[in-house]
Amino acid sequence: MNIIKKFSQIILIAILLSSCRTSINKEKNIKNLEKNINETTNAEKKRMEIKFSCGEDGISEYLNDGWNILKEDSQEKICTWKSVPATKDCNMEKDKGCKITKPDKIGEEKIYLLEK
């Protein structure tokens, strides 16, 4: 009877020790995965899209900072708007329903896709 108790205690201790060892191995694998993820994110290139419109131009700041232009596109954009009366005898201050808003200045918007 005494031999059975000692044998069962030895099996119980062996189970506990073996379970602790596997959890330690898992922690090491997780740390290695974190290092690999950090290394791959550093190797990836950064991309950014910026827009300049109505005569603004600040692309030289980005180029001096080490960014390269991958793609450049431009399109028309309305820079300012103006209000005009709908009819000749319309008073825009008293009757706001007769006010029409029209484009005043039309400029160009430049879109740059940058990579570093």
PDB file of N, CA and C in Angstrom:
ATOM      1  N   MET A   1       0.817  -1.188   0.000  1.00  0.00           N
ATOM      2  CA  MET A   1       0.000   0.000   0.000  1.00  0.00           C
ATOM      3  C   MET A   1       0.865   1.258   0.000  1.00  0.00           C
ATOM      4  N   ASN A   2       1.909   1.208   0.780  1.00  0.00           N
ATOM      5  CA  ASN A   2       2.830   2.330   0.885  1.00  0.00           C
ATOM      6  C   ASN A   2       3.539   2.562  -0.444  1.00  0.00           C
ATOM      7  N   ILE A   3       3.835   1.509  -1.162  1.00  0.00           N
ATOM      8  CA  ILE A   3       4.501   1.608  -2.464  1.00  0.00           C
ATOM      9  C   ILE A   3       3.573   2.277  -3.473  1.00  0.00           C
ATOM     10  N   ILE A   4       2.281   2.000  -3.430  1.00  0.00           N
ATOM     11  CA  ILE A   4       1.310   2.593  -4.357  1.00  0.00           C
ATOM     12  C   ILE A   4       1.213   4.096  -4.123  1.00  0.00           C
ATOM     13  N   LYS A   5       1.206   4.534  -2.847  1.00  0.00           N
ATOM     14  CA  LYS A   5       1.131   5.965  -2.532  1.00  0.00           C
ATOM     15  C   LYS A   5       2.366   6.699  -3.065  1.00  0.00           C
ATOM     16  N   LYS A   6       3.543   6.134  -2.857  1.00  0.00           N
ATOM     17  CA  LYS A   6       4.775   6.772  -3.333  1.00  0.00           C
ATOM     18  C   LYS A   6       4.811   6.807  -4.858  1.00  0.00           C
ATOM     19  N   PHE A   7       4.357   5.727  -5.484  1.00  0.00           N
ATOM     20  CA  PHE A   7       4.329   5.676  -6.949  1.00  0.00           C
ATOM     21  C   PHE A   7       3.373   6.720  -7.518  1.00  0.00           C
ATOM     22  N   SER A   8       2.205   6.885  -6.894  1.00  0.00           N
ATOM     23  CA  SER A   8       1.240   7.887  -7.366  1.00  0.00           C
ATOM     24  C   SER A   8       1.775   9.298  -7.150  1.00  0.00           C
ATOM     25  N   GLN A   9       2.505   9.531  -6.053  1.00  0.00           N
ATOM     26  CA  GLN A   9       3.089  10.847  -5.816  1.00  0.00           C
ATOM     27  C   GLN A   9       4.168  11.166  -6.859  1.00  0.00           C
ATOM     28  N   ILE A  10       4.956  10.161  -7.212  1.00  0.00           N
ATOM     29  CA  ILE A  10       5.994  10.354  -8.224  1.00  0.00           C
ATOM     30  C   ILE A  10       5.369  10.688  -9.569  1.00  0.00           C
ATOM     31  N   ILE A  11       4.282  10.015  -9.942  1.00  0.00           N
ATOM     32  CA  ILE A  11       3.592  10.301 -11.204  1.00  0.00           C
ATOM     33  C   ILE A  11       3.010  11.709 -11.190  1.00  0.00           C
ATOM     34  N   LEU A  12       2.419  12.108 -10.061  1.00  0.00           N
ATOM     35  CA  LEU A  12       1.838  13.442  -9.940  1.00  0.00           C
ATOM     36  C   LEU A  12       2.925  14.519 -10.079  1.00  0.00           C
ATOM     37  N   ILE A  13       4.053  14.341  -9.447  1.00  0.00           N
ATOM     38  CA  ILE A  13       5.161  15.303  -9.544  1.00  0.00           C
ATOM     39  C   ILE A  13       5.697  15.356 -10.977  1.00  0.00           C
ATOM     40  N   ALA A  14       5.799  14.211 -11.626  1.00  0.00           N
ATOM     41  CA  ALA A  14       6.282  14.168 -13.008  1.00  0.00           C
ATOM     42  C   ALA A  14       5.338  14.923 -13.938  1.00  0.00           C
ATOM     43  N   ILE A  15       4.037  14.778 -13.729  1.00  0.00           N
ATOM     44  CA  ILE A  15       3.047  15.492 -14.553  1.00  0.00           C
ATOM     45  C   ILE A  15       3.176  16.990 -14.345  1.00  0.00           C
ATOM     46  N   LEU A  16       3.302  17.405 -13.099  1.00  0.00           N
ATOM     47  CA  LEU A  16       3.430  18.840 -12.816  1.00  0.00           C
ATOM     48  C   LEU A  16       4.706  19.421 -13.426  1.00  0.00           C
ATOM     49  N   LEU A  17       5.797  18.720 -13.310  1.00  0.00           N
ATOM     50  CA  LEU A  17       7.050  19.223 -13.880  1.00  0.00           C
ATOM     51  C   LEU A  17       7.014  19.275 -15.395  1.00  0.00           C
ATOM     52  N   SER A  18       6.400  18.293 -16.013  1.00  0.00           N
ATOM     53  CA  SER A  18       6.349  18.301 -17.474  1.00  0.00           C
ATOM     54  C   SER A  18       5.433  19.405 -17.991  1.00  0.00           C
ATOM     55  N   SER A  19       4.373  19.729 -17.267  1.00  0.00           N
ATOM     56  CA  SER A  19       3.488  20.807 -17.720  1.00  0.00           C
ATOM     57  C   SER A  19       4.162  22.158 -17.572  1.00  0.00           C
ATOM     58  N   CYS A  20       4.969  22.351 -16.567  1.00  0.00           N
ATOM     59  CA  CYS A  20       5.695  23.612 -16.402  1.00  0.00           C
ATOM     60  C   CYS A  20       6.709  23.807 -17.520  1.00  0.00           C
ATOM     61  N   ARG A  21       7.345  22.758 -17.938  1.00  0.00           N
ATOM     62  CA  ARG A  21       8.354  22.848 -18.983  1.00  0.00           C
ATOM     63  C   ARG A  21       7.727  23.280 -20.308  1.00  0.00           C
ATOM     64  N   THR A  22       6.551  22.784 -20.662  1.00  0.00           N
ATOM     65  CA  THR A  22       5.933  23.164 -21.932  1.00  0.00           C
ATOM     66  C   THR A  22       5.493  24.617 -21.922  1.00  0.00           C
ATOM     67  N   SER A  23       5.055  25.134 -20.775  1.00  0.00           N
ATOM     68  CA  SER A  23       4.655  26.543 -20.742  1.00  0.00           C
ATOM     69  C   SER A  23       5.876  27.445 -20.897  1.00  0.00           C
ATOM     70  N   ILE A  24       7.021  27.047 -20.391  1.00  0.00           N
ATOM     71  CA  ILE A  24       8.240  27.840 -20.552  1.00  0.00           C
ATOM     72  C   ILE A  24       8.652  27.868 -22.015  1.00  0.00           C
ATOM     73  N   ASN A  25       8.545  26.749 -22.708  1.00  0.00           N
ATOM     74  CA  ASN A  25       8.888  26.691 -24.128  1.00  0.00           C
ATOM     75  C   ASN A  25       7.959  27.576 -24.945  1.00  0.00           C
ATOM     76  N   LYS A  26       6.689  27.622 -24.612  1.00  0.00           N
ATOM     77  CA  LYS A  26       5.735  28.466 -25.344  1.00  0.00           C
ATOM     78  C   LYS A  26       6.090  29.938 -25.188  1.00  0.00           C
ATOM     79  N   GLU A  27       6.506  30.341 -23.983  1.00  0.00           N
ATOM     80  CA  GLU A  27       6.880  31.738 -23.770  1.00  0.00           C
ATOM     81  C   GLU A  27       8.081  32.116 -24.628  1.00  0.00           C
ATOM     82  N   LYS A  28       9.045  31.229 -24.771  1.00  0.00           N
ATOM     83  CA  LYS A  28      10.210  31.504 -25.611  1.00  0.00           C
ATOM     84  C   LYS A  28       9.795  31.675 -27.065  1.00  0.00           C
ATOM     85  N   ASN A  29       8.873  30.839 -27.539  1.00  0.00           N
ATOM     86  CA  ASN A  29       8.405  30.952 -28.920  1.00  0.00           C
ATOM     87  C   ASN A  29       7.673  32.270 -29.148  1.00  0.00           C
ATOM     88  N   ILE A  30       6.888  32.691 -28.179  1.00  0.00           N
ATOM     89  CA  ILE A  30       6.153  33.954 -28.314  1.00  0.00           C
ATOM     90  C   ILE A  30       7.133  35.117 -28.401  1.00  0.00           C
ATOM     91  N   LYS A  31       8.185  35.108 -27.598  1.00  0.00           N
ATOM     92  CA  LYS A  31       9.171  36.192 -27.641  1.00  0.00           C
ATOM     93  C   LYS A  31       9.876  36.224 -28.996  1.00  0.00           C
ATOM     94  N   ASN A  32      10.179  35.052 -29.539  1.00  0.00           N
ATOM     95  CA  ASN A  32      10.827  34.996 -30.855  1.00  0.00           C
ATOM     96  C   ASN A  32       9.906  35.536 -31.939  1.00  0.00           C
ATOM     97  N   LEU A  33       8.607  35.242 -31.856  1.00  0.00           N
ATOM     98  CA  LEU A  33       7.658  35.757 -32.844  1.00  0.00           C
ATOM     99  C   LEU A  33       7.574  37.273 -32.773  1.00  0.00           C
ATOM    100  N   GLU A  34       7.582  37.830 -31.558  1.00  0.00           N
ATOM    101  CA  GLU A  34       7.522  39.284 -31.417  1.00  0.00           C
ATOM    102  C   GLU A  34       8.738  39.941 -32.063  1.00  0.00           C
ATOM    103  N   LYS A  35       9.910  39.351 -31.904  1.00  0.00           N
ATOM    104  CA  LYS A  35      11.116  39.906 -32.530  1.00  0.00           C
ATOM    105  C   LYS A  35      11.000  39.871 -34.044  1.00  0.00           C
ATOM    106  N   ASN A  36      10.482  38.773 -34.604  1.00  0.00           N
ATOM    107  CA  ASN A  36      10.331  38.664 -36.055  1.00  0.00           C
ATOM    108  C   ASN A  36       9.340  39.681 -36.585  1.00  0.00           C
ATOM    109  N   ILE A  37       8.257  39.918 -35.865  1.00  0.00           N
ATOM    110  CA  ILE A  37       7.251  40.888 -36.304  1.00  0.00           C
ATOM    111  C   ILE A  37       7.860  42.287 -36.320  1.00  0.00           C
ATOM    112  N   ASN A  38       8.620  42.644 -35.282  1.00  0.00           N
ATOM    113  CA  ASN A  38       9.256  43.960 -35.233  1.00  0.00           C
ATOM    114  C   ASN A  38      10.254  44.141 -36.367  1.00  0.00           C
ATOM    115  N   GLU A  39      10.992  43.112 -36.706  1.00  0.00           N
ATOM    116  CA  GLU A  39      11.970  43.219 -37.791  1.00  0.00           C
ATOM    117  C   GLU A  39      11.292  43.404 -39.136  1.00  0.00           C
ATOM    118  N   THR A  40      10.165  42.738 -39.367  1.00  0.00           N
ATOM    119  CA  THR A  40       9.486  42.876 -40.651  1.00  0.00           C
ATOM    120  C   THR A  40       8.829  44.242 -40.786  1.00  0.00           C
ATOM    121  N   THR A  41       8.311  44.824 -39.709  1.00  0.00           N
ATOM    122  CA  THR A  41       7.705  46.145 -39.818  1.00  0.00           C
ATOM    123  C   THR A  41       8.758  47.203 -40.104  1.00  0.00           C
ATOM    124  N   ASN A  42       9.962  47.032 -39.582  1.00  0.00           N
ATOM    125  CA  ASN A  42      11.026  47.988 -39.876  1.00  0.00           C
ATOM    126  C   ASN A  42      11.473  47.887 -41.329  1.00  0.00           C
ATOM    127  N   ALA A  43      11.359  46.693 -41.918  1.00  0.00           N
ATOM    128  CA  ALA A  43      11.793  46.509 -43.294  1.00  0.00           C
ATOM    129  C   ALA A  43      10.770  47.049 -44.288  1.00  0.00           C
ATOM    130  N   GLU A  44       9.515  47.201 -43.853  1.00  0.00           N
ATOM    131  CA  GLU A  44       8.479  47.703 -44.758  1.00  0.00           C
ATOM    132  C   GLU A  44       8.713  49.183 -45.051  1.00  0.00           C
ATOM    133  N   LYS A  45       8.335  49.586 -46.245  1.00  0.00           N
ATOM    134  CA  LYS A  45       8.482  50.985 -46.624  1.00  0.00           C
ATOM    135  C   LYS A  45       7.219  51.736 -46.235  1.00  0.00           C
ATOM    136  N   LYS A  46       7.398  52.990 -45.889  1.00  0.00           N
ATOM    137  CA  LYS A  46       6.269  53.832 -45.492  1.00  0.00           C
ATOM    138  C   LYS A  46       5.737  54.545 -46.718  1.00  0.00           C
ATOM    139  N   ARG A  47       4.416  54.638 -46.806  1.00  0.00           N
ATOM    140  CA  ARG A  47       3.780  55.370 -47.909  1.00  0.00           C
ATOM    141  C   ARG A  47       2.849  56.424 -47.347  1.00  0.00           C
ATOM    142  N   MET A  48       2.723  57.514 -48.107  1.00  0.00           N
ATOM    143  CA  MET A  48       1.879  58.607 -47.673  1.00  0.00           C
ATOM    144  C   MET A  48       1.319  59.320 -48.900  1.00  0.00           C
ATOM    145  N   GLU A  49       0.091  59.799 -48.793  1.00  0.00           N
ATOM    146  CA  GLU A  49      -0.510  60.584 -49.866  1.00  0.00           C
ATOM    147  C   GLU A  49      -0.744  61.987 -49.334  1.00  0.00           C
ATOM    148  N   ILE A  50      -0.246  62.986 -50.040  1.00  0.00           N
ATOM    149  CA  ILE A  50      -0.456  64.373 -49.639  1.00  0.00           C
ATOM    150  C   ILE A  50      -1.060  65.149 -50.798  1.00  0.00           C
ATOM    151  N   LYS A  51      -1.784  66.213 -50.448  1.00  0.00           N
ATOM    152  CA  LYS A  51      -2.453  67.043 -51.454  1.00  0.00           C
ATOM    153  C   LYS A  51      -2.098  68.504 -51.214  1.00  0.00           C
ATOM    154  N   PHE A  52      -1.824  69.208 -52.301  1.00  0.00           N
ATOM    155  CA  PHE A  52      -1.604  70.652 -52.279  1.00  0.00           C
ATOM    156  C   PHE A  52      -2.562  71.269 -53.287  1.00  0.00           C
ATOM    157  N   SER A  53      -3.264  72.316 -52.872  1.00  0.00           N
ATOM    158  CA  SER A  53      -4.233  72.912 -53.791  1.00  0.00           C
ATOM    159  C   SER A  53      -4.136  74.431 -53.793  1.00  0.00           C
ATOM    160  N   CYS A  54      -4.602  74.999 -54.868  1.00  0.00           N
ATOM    161  CA  CYS A  54      -4.736  76.449 -55.044  1.00  0.00           C
ATOM    162  C   CYS A  54      -3.414  77.192 -54.857  1.00  0.00           C
ATOM    163  N   GLY A  55      -2.387  76.715 -55.505  1.00  0.00           N
ATOM    164  CA  GLY A  55      -1.109  77.420 -55.493  1.00  0.00           C
ATOM    165  C   GLY A  55      -0.174  77.038 -54.364  1.00  0.00           C
ATOM    166  N   GLU A  56      -0.620  76.230 -53.404  1.00  0.00           N
ATOM    167  CA  GLU A  56       0.281  75.776 -52.342  1.00  0.00           C
ATOM    168  C   GLU A  56       1.250  74.757 -52.916  1.00  0.00           C
ATOM    169  N   ASP A  57       2.471  74.791 -52.425  1.00  0.00           N
ATOM    170  CA  ASP A  57       3.433  73.782 -52.858  1.00  0.00           C
ATOM    171  C   ASP A  57       4.444  73.577 -51.746  1.00  0.00           C
ATOM    172  N   GLY A  58       4.371  72.423 -51.091  1.00  0.00           N
ATOM    173  CA  GLY A  58       5.295  72.101 -50.017  1.00  0.00           C
ATOM    174  C   GLY A  58       5.970  70.763 -50.238  1.00  0.00           C
ATOM    175  N   ILE A  59       5.990  70.313 -51.480  1.00  0.00           N
ATOM    176  CA  ILE A  59       6.552  68.995 -51.781  1.00  0.00           C
ATOM    177  C   ILE A  59       8.063  68.971 -51.560  1.00  0.00           C
ATOM    178  N   SER A  60       8.722  70.113 -51.704  1.00  0.00           N
ATOM    179  CA  SER A  60      10.178  70.138 -51.544  1.00  0.00           C
ATOM    180  C   SER A  60      10.594  69.777 -50.119  1.00  0.00           C
ATOM    181  N   GLU A  61       9.762  70.111 -49.124  1.00  0.00           N
ATOM    182  CA  GLU A  61      10.071  69.739 -47.740  1.00  0.00           C
ATOM    183  C   GLU A  61      10.121  68.223 -47.593  1.00  0.00           C
ATOM    184  N   TYR A  62       9.186  67.542 -48.219  1.00  0.00           N
ATOM    185  CA  TYR A  62       9.133  66.082 -48.129  1.00  0.00           C
ATOM    186  C   TYR A  62      10.294  65.442 -48.900  1.00  0.00           C
ATOM    187  N   LEU A  63      10.618  66.003 -50.051  1.00  0.00           N
ATOM    188  CA  LEU A  63      11.726  65.467 -50.842  1.00  0.00           C
ATOM    189  C   LEU A  63      13.057  65.639 -50.113  1.00  0.00           C
ATOM    190  N   ASN A  64      13.223  66.764 -49.427  1.00  0.00           N
ATOM    191  CA  ASN A  64      14.439  66.993 -48.652  1.00  0.00           C
ATOM    192  C   ASN A  64      14.522  66.055 -47.447  1.00  0.00           C
ATOM    193  N   ASP A  65      13.362  65.597 -46.983  1.00  0.00           N
ATOM    194  CA  ASP A  65      13.298  64.703 -45.827  1.00  0.00           C
ATOM    195  C   ASP A  65      13.533  63.243 -46.213  1.00  0.00           C
ATOM    196  N   GLY A  66      13.708  62.960 -47.502  1.00  0.00           N
ATOM    197  CA  GLY A  66      14.027  61.601 -47.934  1.00  0.00           C
ATOM    198  C   GLY A  66      12.881  60.854 -48.586  1.00  0.00           C
ATOM    199  N   TRP A  67      11.764  61.507 -48.829  1.00  0.00           N
ATOM    200  CA  TRP A  67      10.629  60.855 -49.489  1.00  0.00           C
ATOM    201  C   TRP A  67      10.839  60.864 -50.996  1.00  0.00           C
ATOM    202  N   ASN A  68      10.320  59.837 -51.675  1.00  0.00           N
ATOM    203  CA  ASN A  68      10.386  59.744 -53.133  1.00  0.00           C
ATOM    204  C   ASN A  68       8.964  59.769 -53.687  1.00  0.00           C
ATOM    205  N   ILE A  69       8.782  60.417 -54.832  1.00  0.00           N
ATOM    206  CA  ILE A  69       7.462  60.499 -55.459  1.00  0.00           C
ATOM    207  C   ILE A  69       7.233  59.231 -56.279  1.00  0.00           C
ATOM    208  N   LEU A  70       6.181  58.490 -55.930  1.00  0.00           N
ATOM    209  CA  LEU A  70       5.806  57.309 -56.699  1.00  0.00           C
ATOM    210  C   LEU A  70       4.816  57.671 -57.802  1.00  0.00           C
ATOM    211  N   LYS A  71       3.875  58.544 -57.467  1.00  0.00           N
ATOM    212  CA  LYS A  71       2.832  58.905 -58.422  1.00  0.00           C
ATOM    213  C   LYS A  71       2.422  60.344 -58.182  1.00  0.00           C
ATOM    214  N   GLU A  72       2.183  61.065 -59.270  1.00  0.00           N
ATOM    215  CA  GLU A  72       1.759  62.455 -59.188  1.00  0.00           C
ATOM    216  C   GLU A  72       0.519  62.615 -60.052  1.00  0.00           C
ATOM    217  N   ASP A  73      -0.497  63.280 -59.508  1.00  0.00           N
ATOM    218  CA  ASP A  73      -1.748  63.472 -60.232  1.00  0.00           C
ATOM    219  C   ASP A  73      -2.233  64.888 -59.946  1.00  0.00           C
ATOM    220  N   SER A  74      -2.965  65.471 -60.899  1.00  0.00           N
ATOM    221  CA  SER A  74      -3.521  66.803 -60.679  1.00  0.00           C
ATOM    222  C   SER A  74      -4.938  66.858 -61.229  1.00  0.00           C
ATOM    223  N   GLN A  75      -5.732  67.713 -60.584  1.00  0.00           N
ATOM    224  CA  GLN A  75      -7.112  67.903 -61.032  1.00  0.00           C
ATOM    225  C   GLN A  75      -7.567  69.315 -60.668  1.00  0.00           C
ATOM    226  N   GLU A  76      -8.611  69.780 -61.333  1.00  0.00           N
ATOM    227  CA  GLU A  76      -9.128  71.113 -61.057  1.00  0.00           C
ATOM    228  C   GLU A  76      -9.880  71.118 -59.737  1.00  0.00           C
ATOM    229  N   LYS A  77      -9.760  72.244 -59.026  1.00  0.00           N
ATOM    230  CA  LYS A  77     -10.463  72.395 -57.764  1.00  0.00           C
ATOM    231  C   LYS A  77     -10.886  73.847 -57.617  1.00  0.00           C
ATOM    232  N   ILE A  78     -12.032  74.054 -57.020  1.00  0.00           N
ATOM    233  CA  ILE A  78     -12.517  75.410 -56.783  1.00  0.00           C
ATOM    234  C   ILE A  78     -11.852  75.927 -55.514  1.00  0.00           C
ATOM    235  N   CYS A  79     -11.162  77.056 -55.642  1.00  0.00           N
ATOM    236  CA  CYS A  79     -10.420  77.613 -54.509  1.00  0.00           C
ATOM    237  C   CYS A  79     -11.286  78.546 -53.660  1.00  0.00           C
ATOM    238  N   THR A  80     -12.036  79.441 -54.311  1.00  0.00           N
ATOM    239  CA  THR A  80     -12.896  80.373 -53.572  1.00  0.00           C
ATOM    240  C   THR A  80     -14.268  80.441 -54.229  1.00  0.00           C
ATOM    241  N   TRP A  81     -15.247  80.843 -53.439  1.00  0.00           N
ATOM    242  CA  TRP A  81     -16.622  80.985 -53.896  1.00  0.00           C
ATOM    243  C   TRP A  81     -17.059  82.424 -53.716  1.00  0.00           C
ATOM    244  N   LYS A  82     -18.015  82.875 -54.508  1.00  0.00           N
ATOM    245  CA  LYS A  82     -18.563  84.224 -54.347  1.00  0.00           C
ATOM    246  C   LYS A  82     -20.080  84.149 -54.431  1.00  0.00           C
ATOM    247  N   SER A  83     -20.720  85.086 -53.761  1.00  0.00           N
ATOM    248  CA  SER A  83     -22.184  85.160 -53.764  1.00  0.00           C
ATOM    249  C   SER A  83     -22.622  86.268 -54.711  1.00  0.00           C
ATOM    250  N   VAL A  84     -23.596  85.965 -55.554  1.00  0.00           N
ATOM    251  CA  VAL A  84     -24.129  86.945 -56.513  1.00  0.00           C
ATOM    252  C   VAL A  84     -25.649  86.915 -56.429  1.00  0.00           C
ATOM    253  N   PRO A  85     -26.308  88.041 -56.753  1.00  0.00           N
ATOM    254  CA  PRO A  85     -27.772  88.054 -56.746  1.00  0.00           C
ATOM    255  C   PRO A  85     -28.335  87.248 -57.918  1.00  0.00           C
ATOM    256  N   ALA A  86     -29.458  86.586 -57.688  1.00  0.00           N
ATOM    257  CA  ALA A  86     -30.069  85.758 -58.726  1.00  0.00           C
ATOM    258  C   ALA A  86     -30.715  86.624 -59.818  1.00  0.00           C
ATOM    259  N   THR A  87     -31.258  87.763 -59.425  1.00  0.00           N
ATOM    260  CA  THR A  87     -31.875  88.676 -60.396  1.00  0.00           C
ATOM    261  C   THR A  87     -31.311  90.082 -60.169  1.00  0.00           C
ATOM    262  N   LYS A  88     -31.629  90.997 -61.080  1.00  0.00           N
ATOM    263  CA  LYS A  88     -31.102  92.360 -60.989  1.00  0.00           C
ATOM    264  C   LYS A  88     -31.673  93.116 -59.795  1.00  0.00           C
ATOM    265  N   ASP A  89     -32.919  92.915 -59.474  1.00  0.00           N
ATOM    266  CA  ASP A  89     -33.552  93.676 -58.398  1.00  0.00           C
ATOM    267  C   ASP A  89     -33.548  92.912 -57.062  1.00  0.00           C
ATOM    268  N   CYS A  90     -32.674  91.946 -56.901  1.00  0.00           N
ATOM    269  CA  CYS A  90     -32.572  91.141 -55.681  1.00  0.00           C
ATOM    270  C   CYS A  90     -31.671  91.841 -54.670  1.00  0.00           C
ATOM    271  N   ASN A  91     -32.130  91.974 -53.420  1.00  0.00           N
ATOM    272  CA  ASN A  91     -31.326  92.520 -52.332  1.00  0.00           C
ATOM    273  C   ASN A  91     -30.852  91.326 -51.483  1.00  0.00           C
ATOM    274  N   MET A  92     -29.576  91.006 -51.589  1.00  0.00           N
ATOM    275  CA  MET A  92     -29.052  89.792 -50.944  1.00  0.00           C
ATOM    276  C   MET A  92     -29.065  89.888 -49.419  1.00  0.00           C
ATOM    277  N   GLU A  93     -28.963  91.106 -48.861  1.00  0.00           N
ATOM    278  CA  GLU A  93     -28.950  91.251 -47.410  1.00  0.00           C
ATOM    279  C   GLU A  93     -30.324  91.030 -46.803  1.00  0.00           C
ATOM    280  N   LYS A  94     -31.380  91.456 -47.495  1.00  0.00           N
ATOM    281  CA  LYS A  94     -32.732  91.296 -46.966  1.00  0.00           C
ATOM    282  C   LYS A  94     -33.344  89.955 -47.352  1.00  0.00           C
ATOM    283  N   ASP A  95     -33.163  89.542 -48.578  1.00  0.00           N
ATOM    284  CA  ASP A  95     -33.771  88.307 -49.083  1.00  0.00           C
ATOM    285  C   ASP A  95     -32.665  87.299 -49.389  1.00  0.00           C
ATOM    286  N   LYS A  96     -32.421  86.423 -48.445  1.00  0.00           N
ATOM    287  CA  LYS A  96     -31.327  85.473 -48.615  1.00  0.00           C
ATOM    288  C   LYS A  96     -31.667  84.368 -49.616  1.00  0.00           C
ATOM    289  N   GLY A  97     -32.912  84.233 -49.971  1.00  0.00           N
ATOM    290  CA  GLY A  97     -33.311  83.212 -50.927  1.00  0.00           C
ATOM    291  C   GLY A  97     -32.914  83.537 -52.355  1.00  0.00           C
ATOM    292  N   CYS A  98     -32.549  84.787 -52.624  1.00  0.00           N
ATOM    293  CA  CYS A  98     -32.176  85.134 -53.986  1.00  0.00           C
ATOM    294  C   CYS A  98     -30.663  85.176 -54.180  1.00  0.00           C
ATOM    295  N   LYS A  99     -29.923  84.709 -53.181  1.00  0.00           N
ATOM    296  CA  LYS A  99     -28.462  84.707 -53.283  1.00  0.00           C
ATOM    297  C   LYS A  99     -28.004  83.391 -53.910  1.00  0.00           C
ATOM    298  N   ILE A 100     -27.099  83.481 -54.890  1.00  0.00           N
ATOM    299  CA  ILE A 100     -26.524  82.307 -55.555  1.00  0.00           C
ATOM    300  C   ILE A 100     -25.022  82.303 -55.285  1.00  0.00           C
ATOM    301  N   THR A 101     -24.515  81.162 -54.948  1.00  0.00           N
ATOM    302  CA  THR A 101     -23.085  81.016 -54.723  1.00  0.00           C
ATOM    303  C   THR A 101     -22.464  80.374 -55.959  1.00  0.00           C
ATOM    304  N   LYS A 102     -21.423  81.054 -56.485  1.00  0.00           N
ATOM    305  CA  LYS A 102     -20.753  80.578 -57.697  1.00  0.00           C
ATOM    306  C   LYS A 102     -19.253  80.459 -57.432  1.00  0.00           C
ATOM    307  N   PRO A 103     -18.579  79.621 -58.185  1.00  0.00           N
ATOM    308  CA  PRO A 103     -17.120  79.549 -58.042  1.00  0.00           C
ATOM    309  C   PRO A 103     -16.471  80.855 -58.471  1.00  0.00           C
ATOM    310  N   ASP A 104     -15.501  81.299 -57.677  1.00  0.00           N
ATOM    311  CA  ASP A 104     -14.785  82.531 -57.995  1.00  0.00           C
ATOM    312  C   ASP A 104     -13.441  82.198 -58.639  1.00  0.00           C
ATOM    313  N   LYS A 105     -12.600  81.460 -57.945  1.00  0.00           N
ATOM    314  CA  LYS A 105     -11.291  81.081 -58.478  1.00  0.00           C
ATOM    315  C   LYS A 105     -11.237  79.569 -58.628  1.00  0.00           C
ATOM    316  N   ILE A 106     -10.761  79.134 -59.765  1.00  0.00           N
ATOM    317  CA  ILE A 106     -10.561  77.707 -60.007  1.00  0.00           C
ATOM    318  C   ILE A 106      -9.061  77.475 -60.122  1.00  0.00           C
ATOM    319  N   GLY A 107      -8.573  76.573 -59.291  1.00  0.00           N
ATOM    320  CA  GLY A 107      -7.144  76.287 -59.277  1.00  0.00           C
ATOM    321  C   GLY A 107      -6.888  74.816 -59.556  1.00  0.00           C
ATOM    322  N   GLU A 108      -5.710  74.399 -59.207  1.00  0.00           N
ATOM    323  CA  GLU A 108      -5.309  73.028 -59.466  1.00  0.00           C
ATOM    324  C   GLU A 108      -4.911  72.366 -58.148  1.00  0.00           C
ATOM    325  N   GLU A 109      -5.361  71.140 -57.961  1.00  0.00           N
ATOM    326  CA  GLU A 109      -4.984  70.362 -56.786  1.00  0.00           C
ATOM    327  C   GLU A 109      -4.015  69.269 -57.241  1.00  0.00           C
ATOM    328  N   LYS A 110      -2.859  69.205 -56.595  1.00  0.00           N
ATOM    329  CA  LYS A 110      -1.859  68.198 -56.924  1.00  0.00           C
ATOM    330  C   LYS A 110      -1.850  67.148 -55.824  1.00  0.00           C
ATOM    331  N   ILE A 111      -1.885  65.893 -56.242  1.00  0.00           N
ATOM    332  CA  ILE A 111      -1.892  64.768 -55.322  1.00  0.00           C
ATOM    333  C   ILE A 111      -0.624  63.962 -55.544  1.00  0.00           C
ATOM    334  N   TYR A 112       0.137  63.764 -54.475  1.00  0.00           N
ATOM    335  CA  TYR A 112       1.385  63.024 -54.556  1.00  0.00           C
ATOM    336  C   TYR A 112       1.302  61.764 -53.697  1.00  0.00           C
ATOM    337  N   LEU A 113       1.773  60.652 -54.238  1.00  0.00           N
ATOM    338  CA  LEU A 113       1.932  59.416 -53.491  1.00  0.00           C
ATOM    339  C   LEU A 113       3.422  59.281 -53.215  1.00  0.00           C
ATOM    340  N   LEU A 114       3.801  59.323 -51.939  1.00  0.00           N
ATOM    341  CA  LEU A 114       5.205  59.325 -51.548  1.00  0.00           C
ATOM    342  C   LEU A 114       5.574  58.017 -50.854  1.00  0.00           C
ATOM    343  N   GLU A 115       6.845  57.663 -50.941  1.00  0.00           N
ATOM    344  CA  GLU A 115       7.361  56.452 -50.297  1.00  0.00           C
ATOM    345  C   GLU A 115       8.717  56.760 -49.693  1.00  0.00           C
ATOM    346  N   LYS A 116       8.936  56.203 -48.509  1.00  0.00           N
ATOM    347  CA  LYS A 116      10.219  56.442 -47.834  1.00  0.00           C
ATOM    348  C   LYS A 116      10.866  55.113 -47.521  1.00  0.00           C
TER     349      LYS A 116
END
